[in-house]
Amino acid sequence: MGRPAKEIDQSTYSGRFAVRLRTLREKAGLTIDDVAERITQTGYQCTSRTVYRWEDGSRFPSVDMLPEIAKALGESIRNLFPAS
């Protein structure tokens, strides 16, 4: 069993992005490890800890990483972003 979900400040856009990322990953039936592995297979270095930090709102992925995250989740880049 993983760590309990951290309370995320959704008053910020980065917080809403973190929640959106977690929601899309869970919808796809993927674990954090699965997402990290899929991104790593595209040639980018990505660890489970990195994905966890994106989802807990403590880090934001680079712009270059966004297409790889979208592919890993089976989503469009546009769908990664929450409504304002």
PDB file of N, CA and C in Angstrom:
ATOM      1  N   MET A   1       0.837  -1.168   0.000  1.00  0.00           N
ATOM      2  CA  MET A   1       0.000   0.000   0.000  1.00  0.00           C
ATOM      3  C   MET A   1       0.889   1.241   0.000  1.00  0.00           C
ATOM      4  N   GLY A   2       0.521   2.254  -0.775  1.00  0.00           N
ATOM      5  CA  GLY A   2       1.318   3.463  -0.898  1.00  0.00           C
ATOM      6  C   GLY A   2       1.085   4.426   0.244  1.00  0.00           C
ATOM      7  N   ARG A   3       1.703   5.563   0.099  1.00  0.00           N
ATOM      8  CA  ARG A   3       1.543   6.615   1.102  1.00  0.00           C
ATOM      9  C   ARG A   3       0.145   7.208   1.019  1.00  0.00           C
ATOM     10  N   PRO A   4      -0.357   7.733   2.129  1.00  0.00           N
ATOM     11  CA  PRO A   4      -1.663   8.391   2.068  1.00  0.00           C
ATOM     12  C   PRO A   4      -1.570   9.652   1.216  1.00  0.00           C
ATOM     13  N   ALA A   5      -2.649   9.979   0.547  1.00  0.00           N
ATOM     14  CA  ALA A   5      -2.666  11.154  -0.317  1.00  0.00           C
ATOM     15  C   ALA A   5      -2.476  12.420   0.518  1.00  0.00           C
ATOM     16  N   LYS A   6      -1.586  13.274   0.058  1.00  0.00           N
ATOM     17  CA  LYS A   6      -1.309  14.538   0.732  1.00  0.00           C
ATOM     18  C   LYS A   6      -2.417  15.527   0.391  1.00  0.00           C
ATOM     19  N   GLU A   7      -2.796  16.347   1.350  1.00  0.00           N
ATOM     20  CA  GLU A   7      -3.775  17.412   1.107  1.00  0.00           C
ATOM     21  C   GLU A   7      -3.138  18.437   0.176  1.00  0.00           C
ATOM     22  N   ILE A   8      -3.785  18.703  -0.932  1.00  0.00           N
ATOM     23  CA  ILE A   8      -3.219  19.599  -1.945  1.00  0.00           C
ATOM     24  C   ILE A   8      -3.996  20.907  -1.969  1.00  0.00           C
ATOM     25  N   ASP A   9      -3.274  21.999  -2.016  1.00  0.00           N
ATOM     26  CA  ASP A   9      -3.870  23.333  -2.075  1.00  0.00           C
ATOM     27  C   ASP A   9      -4.409  23.571  -3.488  1.00  0.00           C
ATOM     28  N   GLN A  10      -5.707  23.424  -3.646  1.00  0.00           N
ATOM     29  CA  GLN A  10      -6.309  23.580  -4.968  1.00  0.00           C
ATOM     30  C   GLN A  10      -6.655  25.023  -5.302  1.00  0.00           C
ATOM     31  N   SER A  11      -6.236  25.960  -4.450  1.00  0.00           N
ATOM     32  CA  SER A  11      -6.442  27.366  -4.786  1.00  0.00           C
ATOM     33  C   SER A  11      -5.391  27.837  -5.792  1.00  0.00           C
ATOM     34  N   THR A  12      -4.345  27.018  -5.998  1.00  0.00           N
ATOM     35  CA  THR A  12      -3.312  27.351  -6.975  1.00  0.00           C
ATOM     36  C   THR A  12      -3.497  26.484  -8.223  1.00  0.00           C
ATOM     37  N   TYR A  13      -3.053  27.010  -9.353  1.00  0.00           N
ATOM     38  CA  TYR A  13      -3.163  26.233 -10.589  1.00  0.00           C
ATOM     39  C   TYR A  13      -2.295  24.985 -10.514  1.00  0.00           C
ATOM     40  N   SER A  14      -1.108  25.111  -9.913  1.00  0.00           N
ATOM     41  CA  SER A  14      -0.236  23.932  -9.799  1.00  0.00           C
ATOM     42  C   SER A  14      -0.876  22.868  -8.915  1.00  0.00           C
ATOM     43  N   GLY A  15      -1.614  23.269  -7.907  1.00  0.00           N
ATOM     44  CA  GLY A  15      -2.331  22.307  -7.072  1.00  0.00           C
ATOM     45  C   GLY A  15      -3.430  21.607  -7.851  1.00  0.00           C
ATOM     46  N   ARG A  16      -4.158  22.359  -8.652  1.00  0.00           N
ATOM     47  CA  ARG A  16      -5.213  21.748  -9.479  1.00  0.00           C
ATOM     48  C   ARG A  16      -4.611  20.820 -10.530  1.00  0.00           C
ATOM     49  N   PHE A  17      -3.431  21.187 -11.063  1.00  0.00           N
ATOM     50  CA  PHE A  17      -2.741  20.311 -12.011  1.00  0.00           C
ATOM     51  C   PHE A  17      -2.372  19.000 -11.329  1.00  0.00           C
ATOM     52  N   ALA A  18      -1.864  19.068 -10.106  1.00  0.00           N
ATOM     53  CA  ALA A  18      -1.473  17.866  -9.361  1.00  0.00           C
ATOM     54  C   ALA A  18      -2.666  16.931  -9.174  1.00  0.00           C
ATOM     55  N   VAL A  19      -3.803  17.495  -8.795  1.00  0.00           N
ATOM     56  CA  VAL A  19      -5.011  16.687  -8.604  1.00  0.00           C
ATOM     57  C   VAL A  19      -5.451  16.088  -9.933  1.00  0.00           C
ATOM     58  N   ARG A  20      -5.390  16.863 -10.991  1.00  0.00           N
ATOM     59  CA  ARG A  20      -5.782  16.388 -12.325  1.00  0.00           C
ATOM     60  C   ARG A  20      -4.892  15.226 -12.767  1.00  0.00           C
ATOM     61  N   LEU A  21      -3.594  15.363 -12.547  1.00  0.00           N
ATOM     62  CA  LEU A  21      -2.653  14.314 -12.925  1.00  0.00           C
ATOM     63  C   LEU A  21      -2.968  13.014 -12.187  1.00  0.00           C
ATOM     64  N   ARG A  22      -3.196  13.101 -10.887  1.00  0.00           N
ATOM     65  CA  ARG A  22      -3.524  11.912 -10.100  1.00  0.00           C
ATOM     66  C   ARG A  22      -4.841  11.287 -10.578  1.00  0.00           C
ATOM     67  N   THR A  23      -5.828  12.126 -10.846  1.00  0.00           N
ATOM     68  CA  THR A  23      -7.127  11.633 -11.310  1.00  0.00           C
ATOM     69  C   THR A  23      -6.986  10.884 -12.632  1.00  0.00           C
ATOM     70  N   LEU A  24      -6.236  11.454 -13.575  1.00  0.00           N
ATOM     71  CA  LEU A  24      -6.047  10.802 -14.876  1.00  0.00           C
ATOM     72  C   LEU A  24      -5.281   9.486 -14.739  1.00  0.00           C
ATOM     73  N   ARG A  25      -4.280   9.467 -13.865  1.00  0.00           N
ATOM     74  CA  ARG A  25      -3.507   8.234 -13.656  1.00  0.00           C
ATOM     75  C   ARG A  25      -4.398   7.139 -13.082  1.00  0.00           C
ATOM     76  N   GLU A  26      -5.187   7.487 -12.075  1.00  0.00           N
ATOM     77  CA  GLU A  26      -6.077   6.498 -11.465  1.00  0.00           C
ATOM     78  C   GLU A  26      -7.136   6.028 -12.460  1.00  0.00           C
ATOM     79  N   LYS A  27      -7.653   6.956 -13.269  1.00  0.00           N
ATOM     80  CA  LYS A  27      -8.643   6.601 -14.298  1.00  0.00           C
ATOM     81  C   LYS A  27      -8.059   5.604 -15.294  1.00  0.00           C
ATOM     82  N   ALA A  28      -6.773   5.757 -15.599  1.00  0.00           N
ATOM     83  CA  ALA A  28      -6.097   4.855 -16.542  1.00  0.00           C
ATOM     84  C   ALA A  28      -5.731   3.518 -15.894  1.00  0.00           C
ATOM     85  N   GLY A  29      -5.937   3.411 -14.584  1.00  0.00           N
ATOM     86  CA  GLY A  29      -5.611   2.168 -13.888  1.00  0.00           C
ATOM     87  C   GLY A  29      -4.116   1.950 -13.726  1.00  0.00           C
ATOM     88  N   LEU A  30      -3.363   3.039 -13.666  1.00  0.00           N
ATOM     89  CA  LEU A  30      -1.905   2.960 -13.573  1.00  0.00           C
ATOM     90  C   LEU A  30      -1.420   3.320 -12.172  1.00  0.00           C
ATOM     91  N   THR A  31      -0.300   2.746 -11.801  1.00  0.00           N
ATOM     92  CA  THR A  31       0.359   3.134 -10.561  1.00  0.00           C
ATOM     93  C   THR A  31       1.370   4.231 -10.873  1.00  0.00           C
ATOM     94  N   ILE A  32       1.875   4.857  -9.831  1.00  0.00           N
ATOM     95  CA  ILE A  32       2.938   5.847 -10.011  1.00  0.00           C
ATOM     96  C   ILE A  32       4.143   5.188 -10.675  1.00  0.00           C
ATOM     97  N   ASP A  33       4.459   3.961 -10.255  1.00  0.00           N
ATOM     98  CA  ASP A  33       5.578   3.228 -10.867  1.00  0.00           C
ATOM     99  C   ASP A  33       5.348   2.995 -12.356  1.00  0.00           C
ATOM    100  N   ASP A  34       4.106   2.666 -12.738  1.00  0.00           N
ATOM    101  CA  ASP A  34       3.778   2.449 -14.150  1.00  0.00           C
ATOM    102  C   ASP A  34       4.060   3.705 -14.976  1.00  0.00           C
ATOM    103  N   VAL A  35       3.623   4.845 -14.467  1.00  0.00           N
ATOM    104  CA  VAL A  35       3.811   6.105 -15.194  1.00  0.00           C
ATOM    105  C   VAL A  35       5.302   6.412 -15.342  1.00  0.00           C
ATOM    106  N   ALA A  36       6.051   6.267 -14.264  1.00  0.00           N
ATOM    107  CA  ALA A  36       7.500   6.521 -14.321  1.00  0.00           C
ATOM    108  C   ALA A  36       8.171   5.598 -15.334  1.00  0.00           C
ATOM    109  N   GLU A  37       7.793   4.337 -15.338  1.00  0.00           N
ATOM    110  CA  GLU A  37       8.382   3.364 -16.273  1.00  0.00           C
ATOM    111  C   GLU A  37       8.040   3.717 -17.722  1.00  0.00           C
ATOM    112  N   ARG A  38       6.792   4.077 -17.976  1.00  0.00           N
ATOM    113  CA  ARG A  38       6.393   4.441 -19.342  1.00  0.00           C
ATOM    114  C   ARG A  38       7.158   5.663 -19.839  1.00  0.00           C
ATOM    115  N   ILE A  39       7.343   6.642 -18.968  1.00  0.00           N
ATOM    116  CA  ILE A  39       8.093   7.835 -19.362  1.00  0.00           C
ATOM    117  C   ILE A  39       9.556   7.479 -19.603  1.00  0.00           C
ATOM    118  N   THR A  40      10.131   6.658 -18.742  1.00  0.00           N
ATOM    119  CA  THR A  40      11.524   6.232 -18.894  1.00  0.00           C
ATOM    120  C   THR A  40      11.729   5.500 -20.217  1.00  0.00           C
ATOM    121  N   GLN A  41      10.747   4.720 -20.639  1.00  0.00           N
ATOM    122  CA  GLN A  41      10.852   3.975 -21.897  1.00  0.00           C
ATOM    123  C   GLN A  41      10.899   4.893 -23.111  1.00  0.00           C
ATOM    124  N   THR A  42      10.466   6.140 -22.969  1.00  0.00           N
ATOM    125  CA  THR A  42      10.525   7.083 -24.094  1.00  0.00           C
ATOM    126  C   THR A  42      11.887   7.761 -24.196  1.00  0.00           C
ATOM    127  N   GLY A  43      12.772   7.486 -23.222  1.00  0.00           N
ATOM    128  CA  GLY A  43      14.103   8.071 -23.262  1.00  0.00           C
ATOM    129  C   GLY A  43      14.339   9.178 -22.252  1.00  0.00           C
ATOM    130  N   TYR A  44      13.308   9.569 -21.537  1.00  0.00           N
ATOM    131  CA  TYR A  44      13.461  10.572 -20.485  1.00  0.00           C
ATOM    132  C   TYR A  44      13.684   9.862 -19.163  1.00  0.00           C
ATOM    133  N   GLN A  45      14.547  10.414 -18.330  1.00  0.00           N
ATOM    134  CA  GLN A  45      14.761   9.836 -17.008  1.00  0.00           C
ATOM    135  C   GLN A  45      13.629  10.297 -16.098  1.00  0.00           C
ATOM    136  N   CYS A  46      12.936   9.351 -15.501  1.00  0.00           N
ATOM    137  CA  CYS A  46      11.822   9.676 -14.619  1.00  0.00           C
ATOM    138  C   CYS A  46      11.717   8.598 -13.550  1.00  0.00           C
ATOM    139  N   THR A  47      11.649   9.017 -12.307  1.00  0.00           N
ATOM    140  CA  THR A  47      11.516   8.066 -11.206  1.00  0.00           C
ATOM    141  C   THR A  47      10.117   8.141 -10.614  1.00  0.00           C
ATOM    142  N   SER A  48       9.780   7.134  -9.852  1.00  0.00           N
ATOM    143  CA  SER A  48       8.492   7.132  -9.149  1.00  0.00           C
ATOM    144  C   SER A  48       8.405   8.327  -8.203  1.00  0.00           C
ATOM    145  N   ARG A  49       9.510   8.656  -7.581  1.00  0.00           N
ATOM    146  CA  ARG A  49       9.534   9.801  -6.659  1.00  0.00           C
ATOM    147  C   ARG A  49       9.189  11.100  -7.389  1.00  0.00           C
ATOM    148  N   THR A  50       9.674  11.238  -8.619  1.00  0.00           N
ATOM    149  CA  THR A  50       9.361  12.428  -9.415  1.00  0.00           C
ATOM    150  C   THR A  50       7.865  12.511  -9.679  1.00  0.00           C
ATOM    151  N   VAL A  51       7.269  11.402 -10.112  1.00  0.00           N
ATOM    152  CA  VAL A  51       5.828  11.386 -10.395  1.00  0.00           C
ATOM    153  C   VAL A  51       5.052  11.685  -9.115  1.00  0.00           C
ATOM    154  N   TYR A  52       5.476  11.099  -8.005  1.00  0.00           N
ATOM    155  CA  TYR A  52       4.820  11.354  -6.722  1.00  0.00           C
ATOM    156  C   TYR A  52       4.852  12.849  -6.396  1.00  0.00           C
ATOM    157  N   ARG A  53       5.979  13.484  -6.623  1.00  0.00           N
ATOM    158  CA  ARG A  53       6.103  14.923  -6.336  1.00  0.00           C
ATOM    159  C   ARG A  53       5.213  15.762  -7.251  1.00  0.00           C
ATOM    160  N   TRP A  54       5.058  15.335  -8.503  1.00  0.00           N
ATOM    161  CA  TRP A  54       4.121  16.047  -9.385  1.00  0.00           C
ATOM    162  C   TRP A  54       2.716  15.943  -8.819  1.00  0.00           C
ATOM    163  N   GLU A  55       2.371  14.753  -8.345  1.00  0.00           N
ATOM    164  CA  GLU A  55       1.014  14.520  -7.848  1.00  0.00           C
ATOM    165  C   GLU A  55       0.756  15.131  -6.476  1.00  0.00           C
ATOM    166  N   ASP A  56       1.785  15.361  -5.689  1.00  0.00           N
ATOM    167  CA  ASP A  56       1.533  15.980  -4.377  1.00  0.00           C
ATOM    168  C   ASP A  56       1.688  17.501  -4.441  1.00  0.00           C
ATOM    169  N   GLY A  57       1.998  18.006  -5.633  1.00  0.00           N
ATOM    170  CA  GLY A  57       2.065  19.445  -5.840  1.00  0.00           C
ATOM    171  C   GLY A  57       3.369  20.095  -5.423  1.00  0.00           C
ATOM    172  N   SER A  58       4.345  19.303  -4.989  1.00  0.00           N
ATOM    173  CA  SER A  58       5.614  19.897  -4.557  1.00  0.00           C
ATOM    174  C   SER A  58       6.557  20.182  -5.725  1.00  0.00           C
ATOM    175  N   ARG A  59       6.284  19.605  -6.884  1.00  0.00           N
ATOM    176  CA  ARG A  59       7.067  19.850  -8.098  1.00  0.00           C
ATOM    177  C   ARG A  59       6.105  19.956  -9.279  1.00  0.00           C
ATOM    178  N   PHE A  60       6.572  20.646 -10.320  1.00  0.00           N
ATOM    179  CA  PHE A  60       5.799  20.754 -11.556  1.00  0.00           C
ATOM    180  C   PHE A  60       6.693  20.242 -12.677  1.00  0.00           C
ATOM    181  N   PRO A  61       6.159  19.397 -13.569  1.00  0.00           N
ATOM    182  CA  PRO A  61       6.998  18.866 -14.649  1.00  0.00           C
ATOM    183  C   PRO A  61       7.429  19.957 -15.622  1.00  0.00           C
ATOM    184  N   SER A  62       8.562  19.712 -16.271  1.00  0.00           N
ATOM    185  CA  SER A  62       9.032  20.657 -17.284  1.00  0.00           C
ATOM    186  C   SER A  62       8.099  20.604 -18.496  1.00  0.00           C
ATOM    187  N   VAL A  63       8.123  21.656 -19.258  1.00  0.00           N
ATOM    188  CA  VAL A  63       7.309  21.716 -20.475  1.00  0.00           C
ATOM    189  C   VAL A  63       7.671  20.567 -21.409  1.00  0.00           C
ATOM    190  N   ASP A  64       8.944  20.220 -21.497  1.00  0.00           N
ATOM    191  CA  ASP A  64       9.380  19.126 -22.365  1.00  0.00           C
ATOM    192  C   ASP A  64       8.828  17.776 -21.920  1.00  0.00           C
ATOM    193  N   MET A  65       8.516  17.645 -20.647  1.00  0.00           N
ATOM    194  CA  MET A  65       8.024  16.379 -20.115  1.00  0.00           C
ATOM    195  C   MET A  65       6.515  16.194 -20.345  1.00  0.00           C
ATOM    196  N   LEU A  66       5.795  17.269 -20.580  1.00  0.00           N
ATOM    197  CA  LEU A  66       4.335  17.177 -20.697  1.00  0.00           C
ATOM    198  C   LEU A  66       3.857  16.208 -21.786  1.00  0.00           C
ATOM    199  N   PRO A  67       4.445  16.221 -23.000  1.00  0.00           N
ATOM    200  CA  PRO A  67       3.992  15.247 -24.002  1.00  0.00           C
ATOM    201  C   PRO A  67       4.222  13.801 -23.558  1.00  0.00           C
ATOM    202  N   GLU A  68       5.310  13.569 -22.828  1.00  0.00           N
ATOM    203  CA  GLU A  68       5.608  12.208 -22.369  1.00  0.00           C
ATOM    204  C   GLU A  68       4.628  11.769 -21.285  1.00  0.00           C
ATOM    205  N   ILE A  69       4.255  12.694 -20.429  1.00  0.00           N
ATOM    206  CA  ILE A  69       3.253  12.386 -19.398  1.00  0.00           C
ATOM    207  C   ILE A  69       1.926  12.056 -20.066  1.00  0.00           C
ATOM    208  N   ALA A  70       1.542  12.868 -21.042  1.00  0.00           N
ATOM    209  CA  ALA A  70       0.282  12.627 -21.751  1.00  0.00           C
ATOM    210  C   ALA A  70       0.281  11.253 -22.411  1.00  0.00           C
ATOM    211  N   LYS A  71       1.376  10.898 -23.085  1.00  0.00           N
ATOM    212  CA  LYS A  71       1.469   9.575 -23.725  1.00  0.00           C
ATOM    213  C   LYS A  71       1.373   8.462 -22.696  1.00  0.00           C
ATOM    214  N   ALA A  72       2.072   8.625 -21.578  1.00  0.00           N
ATOM    215  CA  ALA A  72       2.066   7.594 -20.531  1.00  0.00           C
ATOM    216  C   ALA A  72       0.660   7.352 -19.996  1.00  0.00           C
ATOM    217  N   LEU A  73      -0.148   8.414 -19.964  1.00  0.00           N
ATOM    218  CA  LEU A  73      -1.513   8.305 -19.447  1.00  0.00           C
ATOM    219  C   LEU A  73      -2.543   8.005 -20.532  1.00  0.00           C
ATOM    220  N   GLY A  74      -2.113   8.031 -21.796  1.00  0.00           N
ATOM    221  CA  GLY A  74      -3.054   7.813 -22.894  1.00  0.00           C
ATOM    222  C   GLY A  74      -4.000   8.986 -23.084  1.00  0.00           C
ATOM    223  N   GLU A  75      -3.501  10.180 -22.823  1.00  0.00           N
ATOM    224  CA  GLU A  75      -4.314  11.396 -22.897  1.00  0.00           C
ATOM    225  C   GLU A  75      -3.673  12.395 -23.852  1.00  0.00           C
ATOM    226  N   SER A  76      -4.437  13.410 -24.231  1.00  0.00           N
ATOM    227  CA  SER A  76      -3.872  14.517 -24.997  1.00  0.00           C
ATOM    228  C   SER A  76      -3.195  15.474 -24.015  1.00  0.00           C
ATOM    229  N   ILE A  77      -2.259  16.254 -24.513  1.00  0.00           N
ATOM    230  CA  ILE A  77      -1.613  17.245 -23.647  1.00  0.00           C
ATOM    231  C   ILE A  77      -2.668  18.200 -23.105  1.00  0.00           C
ATOM    232  N   ARG A  78      -3.565  18.608 -23.955  1.00  0.00           N
ATOM    233  CA  ARG A  78      -4.621  19.541 -23.546  1.00  0.00           C
ATOM    234  C   ARG A  78      -5.413  18.999 -22.360  1.00  0.00           C
ATOM    235  N   ASN A  79      -5.656  17.696 -22.356  1.00  0.00           N
ATOM    236  CA  ASN A  79      -6.460  17.100 -21.290  1.00  0.00           C
ATOM    237  C   ASN A  79      -5.714  17.009 -19.959  1.00  0.00           C
ATOM    238  N   LEU A  80      -4.399  17.203 -19.970  1.00  0.00           N
ATOM    239  CA  LEU A  80      -3.642  17.197 -18.713  1.00  0.00           C
ATOM    240  C   LEU A  80      -4.001  18.389 -17.834  1.00  0.00           C
ATOM    241  N   PHE A  81      -4.393  19.480 -18.477  1.00  0.00           N
ATOM    242  CA  PHE A  81      -4.587  20.719 -17.735  1.00  0.00           C
ATOM    243  C   PHE A  81      -6.014  20.874 -17.241  1.00  0.00           C
ATOM    244  N   PRO A  82      -6.155  21.244 -15.974  1.00  0.00           N
ATOM    245  CA  PRO A  82      -7.489  21.459 -15.419  1.00  0.00           C
ATOM    246  C   PRO A  82      -8.086  22.754 -15.962  1.00  0.00           C
ATOM    247  N   ALA A  83      -9.402  22.845 -15.905  1.00  0.00           N
ATOM    248  CA  ALA A  83     -10.055  24.097 -16.287  1.00  0.00           C
ATOM    249  C   ALA A  83      -9.627  25.176 -15.297  1.00  0.00           C
ATOM    250  N   SER A  84      -9.534  26.390 -15.759  1.00  0.00           N
ATOM    251  CA  SER A  84      -9.054  27.488 -14.893  1.00  0.00           C
ATOM    252  C   SER A  84      -9.930  27.716 -13.709  1.00  0.00           C
TER     253      SER A  84
END
